[in-house]
N, C-alpha and C. Protein backbone atom coordinates (compact mmCIF):
# COMPACT_ATOMS: atom_id res chain seq x y z
N UNK A 1 -35.83 -47.79 18.67
CA UNK A 1 -34.66 -46.61 18.03
C UNK A 1 -35.00 -45.42 17.72
N UNK A 2 -36.34 -45.60 17.11
CA UNK A 2 -36.76 -44.03 16.65
C UNK A 2 -36.54 -43.12 18.05
N UNK A 3 -37.18 -43.43 18.77
CA UNK A 3 -37.55 -42.68 19.90
C UNK A 3 -36.43 -42.30 20.41
N UNK A 4 -35.44 -42.95 20.59
CA UNK A 4 -33.80 -42.78 21.19
C UNK A 4 -33.54 -41.32 20.33
N UNK A 5 -33.49 -41.83 19.00
CA UNK A 5 -33.19 -40.40 18.35
C UNK A 5 -33.58 -38.89 18.19
N UNK A 6 -35.27 -39.51 18.38
CA UNK A 6 -35.89 -37.88 18.52
C UNK A 6 -35.10 -37.67 20.37
N UNK A 7 -35.17 -38.35 21.04
CA UNK A 7 -34.92 -37.71 22.58
C UNK A 7 -33.46 -37.03 22.43
N UNK A 8 -32.76 -37.66 21.78
CA UNK A 8 -31.40 -37.13 21.30
C UNK A 8 -31.49 -36.08 20.61
N UNK A 9 -31.95 -35.74 20.24
CA UNK A 9 -32.41 -34.70 18.78
C UNK A 9 -33.00 -33.35 19.56
N UNK A 10 -33.90 -33.51 20.64
CA UNK A 10 -34.30 -32.51 20.95
C UNK A 10 -33.58 -32.10 21.72
N UNK A 11 -32.52 -32.67 23.13
CA UNK A 11 -31.40 -32.23 24.14
C UNK A 11 -30.24 -31.40 22.97
N UNK A 12 -30.13 -31.63 21.63
CA UNK A 12 -28.93 -30.83 21.05
C UNK A 12 -29.59 -30.06 20.49
N UNK A 13 -30.80 -29.32 19.91
CA UNK A 13 -31.65 -28.76 20.13
C UNK A 13 -31.37 -27.79 21.26
N UNK A 14 -31.63 -28.26 22.40
CA UNK A 14 -32.18 -27.46 23.74
C UNK A 14 -30.76 -26.72 24.06
N UNK A 15 -30.07 -27.08 23.82
CA UNK A 15 -28.67 -26.46 24.29
C UNK A 15 -28.16 -25.22 23.82
N UNK A 16 -28.16 -24.79 22.44
CA UNK A 16 -27.83 -23.54 21.48
C UNK A 16 -29.20 -23.01 22.19
N UNK A 17 -30.62 -23.37 22.55
CA UNK A 17 -31.56 -22.33 23.19
C UNK A 17 -31.18 -21.85 24.14
N UNK A 18 -30.95 -22.84 25.26
CA UNK A 18 -30.31 -21.91 26.73
C UNK A 18 -29.20 -21.05 26.77
N UNK A 19 -28.18 -22.05 25.46
CA UNK A 19 -26.98 -20.45 26.02
C UNK A 19 -27.53 -19.09 25.23
N UNK A 20 -28.24 -19.46 24.75
CA UNK A 20 -29.10 -18.16 23.66
C UNK A 20 -29.49 -17.36 25.15
N UNK A 21 -30.77 -18.02 25.61
CA UNK A 21 -31.25 -17.77 26.96
C UNK A 21 -30.33 -17.30 27.72
N UNK A 22 -29.30 -17.90 28.37
CA UNK A 22 -28.10 -17.34 28.96
C UNK A 22 -27.72 -15.98 28.79
N UNK A 23 -27.35 -15.69 27.51
CA UNK A 23 -26.78 -14.66 26.56
C UNK A 23 -27.63 -13.33 26.80
N UNK A 24 -28.86 -13.30 27.11
CA UNK A 24 -29.82 -12.31 26.96
C UNK A 24 -30.09 -12.26 28.61
N UNK A 25 -30.27 -13.02 29.30
CA UNK A 25 -29.91 -12.88 30.82
C UNK A 25 -29.04 -11.54 30.57
N UNK A 26 -27.59 -12.59 30.18
CA UNK A 26 -26.57 -11.69 31.09
C UNK A 26 -26.88 -9.87 30.38
N UNK A 27 -26.78 -10.03 29.24
CA UNK A 27 -27.20 -9.00 28.33
C UNK A 27 -28.28 -7.95 29.83
N UNK A 28 -29.28 -8.76 29.77
CA UNK A 28 -30.38 -7.52 30.60
C UNK A 28 -29.83 -7.33 31.45
N UNK A 29 -28.66 -8.47 32.83
CA UNK A 29 -28.38 -7.98 33.87
C UNK A 29 -27.46 -6.68 33.60
N UNK A 30 -26.63 -6.44 32.76
CA UNK A 30 -25.87 -5.40 32.23
C UNK A 30 -26.39 -4.20 32.17
N UNK A 31 -27.78 -4.48 31.58
CA UNK A 31 -28.45 -3.13 31.01
C UNK A 31 -29.32 -2.55 32.50
N UNK A 32 -29.82 -3.53 33.21
CA UNK A 32 -30.39 -3.49 34.76
C UNK A 32 -29.27 -2.36 35.81
N UNK A 33 -27.98 -3.12 35.56
CA UNK A 33 -26.83 -2.54 36.12
C UNK A 33 -26.80 -1.00 35.39
N UNK A 34 -26.84 -0.77 34.35
CA UNK A 34 -26.21 0.51 33.75
C UNK A 34 -27.52 1.87 34.07
N UNK A 35 -28.92 0.77 34.12
CA UNK A 35 -29.59 2.04 34.76
C UNK A 35 -30.03 1.99 36.35
N UNK A 36 -29.21 1.43 36.81
CA UNK A 36 -29.19 1.59 38.21
C UNK A 36 -28.62 2.72 38.44
N UNK A 37 -27.27 2.23 37.54
CA UNK A 37 -25.93 3.41 38.04
C UNK A 37 -26.59 5.01 37.70
N UNK A 38 -27.15 4.87 36.72
CA UNK A 38 -27.76 6.39 35.91
C UNK A 38 -28.90 6.71 37.35
N UNK A 39 -29.50 6.03 37.43
CA UNK A 39 -30.44 6.58 38.73
C UNK A 39 -29.78 6.97 39.96
N UNK A 40 -29.14 6.64 40.07
CA UNK A 40 -27.98 6.72 41.61
C UNK A 40 -27.50 7.87 41.41
N UNK A 41 -26.64 7.94 40.14
CA UNK A 41 -26.02 9.10 39.84
C UNK A 41 -26.95 10.57 39.94
N UNK A 42 -27.94 10.08 39.15
CA UNK A 42 -29.26 11.43 38.83
C UNK A 42 -29.42 11.17 40.44
N UNK A 43 -29.97 10.45 41.73
CA UNK A 43 -30.83 10.76 42.68
C UNK A 43 -29.77 11.59 43.65
N UNK A 44 -28.06 10.88 43.26
CA UNK A 44 -27.07 11.76 44.34
C UNK A 44 -26.81 13.11 43.87
N UNK A 45 -27.26 13.70 42.88
CA UNK A 45 -26.98 14.81 42.19
C UNK A 45 -28.06 15.61 42.88
N UNK A 46 -29.49 15.05 42.63
CA UNK A 46 -30.98 15.82 43.20
C UNK A 46 -30.39 16.15 44.61
N UNK A 47 -29.98 15.47 45.29
CA UNK A 47 -29.69 15.39 46.79
C UNK A 47 -28.74 17.07 46.84
N UNK A 48 -27.90 17.05 46.32
CA UNK A 48 -27.21 18.08 46.19
C UNK A 48 -26.94 19.29 45.61
N UNK A 49 -27.73 19.13 44.24
CA UNK A 49 -28.02 20.47 43.79
C UNK A 49 -29.20 20.28 42.81
N UNK A 50 -29.81 21.12 42.57
CA UNK A 50 -31.01 21.38 41.56
C UNK A 50 -30.92 20.93 40.18
N UNK A 51 -31.81 20.37 39.50
CA UNK A 51 -31.58 19.84 38.43
C UNK A 51 -33.26 20.17 37.64
N UNK A 52 -32.63 20.68 36.42
CA UNK A 52 -33.64 21.29 35.36
C UNK A 52 -33.56 20.27 34.26
N UNK A 53 -34.74 20.00 33.71
CA UNK A 53 -35.34 18.85 32.82
C UNK A 53 -35.82 19.95 31.66
N UNK A 54 -35.37 20.10 30.57
CA UNK A 54 -36.43 20.85 29.33
C UNK A 54 -36.64 19.49 28.48
N UNK A 55 -37.94 19.71 28.48
CA UNK A 55 -38.48 18.52 27.25
C UNK A 55 -39.25 19.12 26.09
N UNK A 56 -39.50 18.96 25.19
CA UNK A 56 -40.02 19.50 24.11
C UNK A 56 -41.63 18.08 23.88
N UNK A 57 -42.95 18.93 23.61
CA UNK A 57 -43.85 18.02 23.53
C UNK A 57 -43.40 17.56 21.54
N UNK A 58 -43.72 16.56 21.38
CA UNK A 58 -43.34 15.90 20.23
C UNK A 58 -44.96 16.19 19.15
N UNK A 59 -45.93 16.33 20.37
CA UNK A 59 -47.47 16.81 19.26
C UNK A 59 -47.16 18.20 19.57
N UNK A 60 -46.79 19.19 20.55
CA UNK A 60 -47.47 20.41 19.86
C UNK A 60 -46.28 21.15 20.08
N UNK A 61 -45.30 20.87 19.94
CA UNK A 61 -43.65 21.26 20.21
C UNK A 61 -43.53 22.41 21.24
N UNK A 62 -44.03 22.06 22.19
CA UNK A 62 -43.84 23.21 23.52
C UNK A 62 -42.91 22.28 24.36
N UNK A 63 -42.18 23.75 24.84
CA UNK A 63 -40.98 23.16 26.17
C UNK A 63 -41.62 23.05 27.21
N UNK A 64 -41.30 21.96 27.46
CA UNK A 64 -41.75 22.01 29.75
C UNK A 64 -40.32 21.87 30.09
N UNK A 65 -40.54 22.44 30.82
CA UNK A 65 -39.14 22.76 31.70
C UNK A 65 -39.84 22.14 33.21
N UNK A 66 -39.18 21.34 33.92
CA UNK A 66 -38.97 20.80 35.28
C UNK A 66 -37.79 20.92 35.82
N UNK A 67 -38.45 20.97 37.22
CA UNK A 67 -37.24 21.55 38.00
C UNK A 67 -37.42 20.25 39.15
N UNK A 68 -36.05 19.93 39.69
CA UNK A 68 -36.41 19.26 40.32
C UNK A 68 -35.39 19.25 41.39
N UNK A 69 -35.71 19.71 42.71
CA UNK A 69 -35.12 20.14 43.95
C UNK A 69 -34.73 19.10 45.40
N UNK A 70 -34.05 18.82 45.71
CA UNK A 70 -33.91 17.95 46.68
C UNK A 70 -33.21 18.68 48.10
N UNK A 71 -33.43 18.16 49.05
CA UNK A 71 -32.98 18.70 49.90
C UNK A 71 -32.40 17.48 51.15
N UNK A 72 -30.98 17.12 51.37
CA UNK A 72 -30.46 16.22 51.88
C UNK A 72 -29.36 17.03 52.47
N UNK A 73 -28.83 15.77 53.88
CA UNK A 73 -27.90 16.23 54.41
C UNK A 73 -26.54 16.53 54.08
N UNK A 74 -25.77 17.51 54.45
CA UNK A 74 -24.23 16.96 54.43
C UNK A 74 -23.68 16.27 54.56
N UNK A 75 -22.40 15.23 53.61
CA UNK A 75 -22.21 14.65 53.52
C UNK A 75 -20.83 15.16 54.64
N UNK A 76 -20.03 14.05 55.80
CA UNK A 76 -19.31 14.42 56.13
C UNK A 76 -18.18 13.32 55.85
């Protein structure tokens, strides 16, 4: 009888853990979708017009300028 109680208790404890894992996977999926949308938007912009990124080095404080230029075919 004690074994039956242990087996039932494990199943009851795993259910909330499984639900939490499902929630975390859903949040990760949403974040990946958001990242994909941002990367797609940046890629489309690079193809259509140049982008300049200005980054400040946290160590020395110098400004670094990165220019990204793409060449794409015009869309019809």
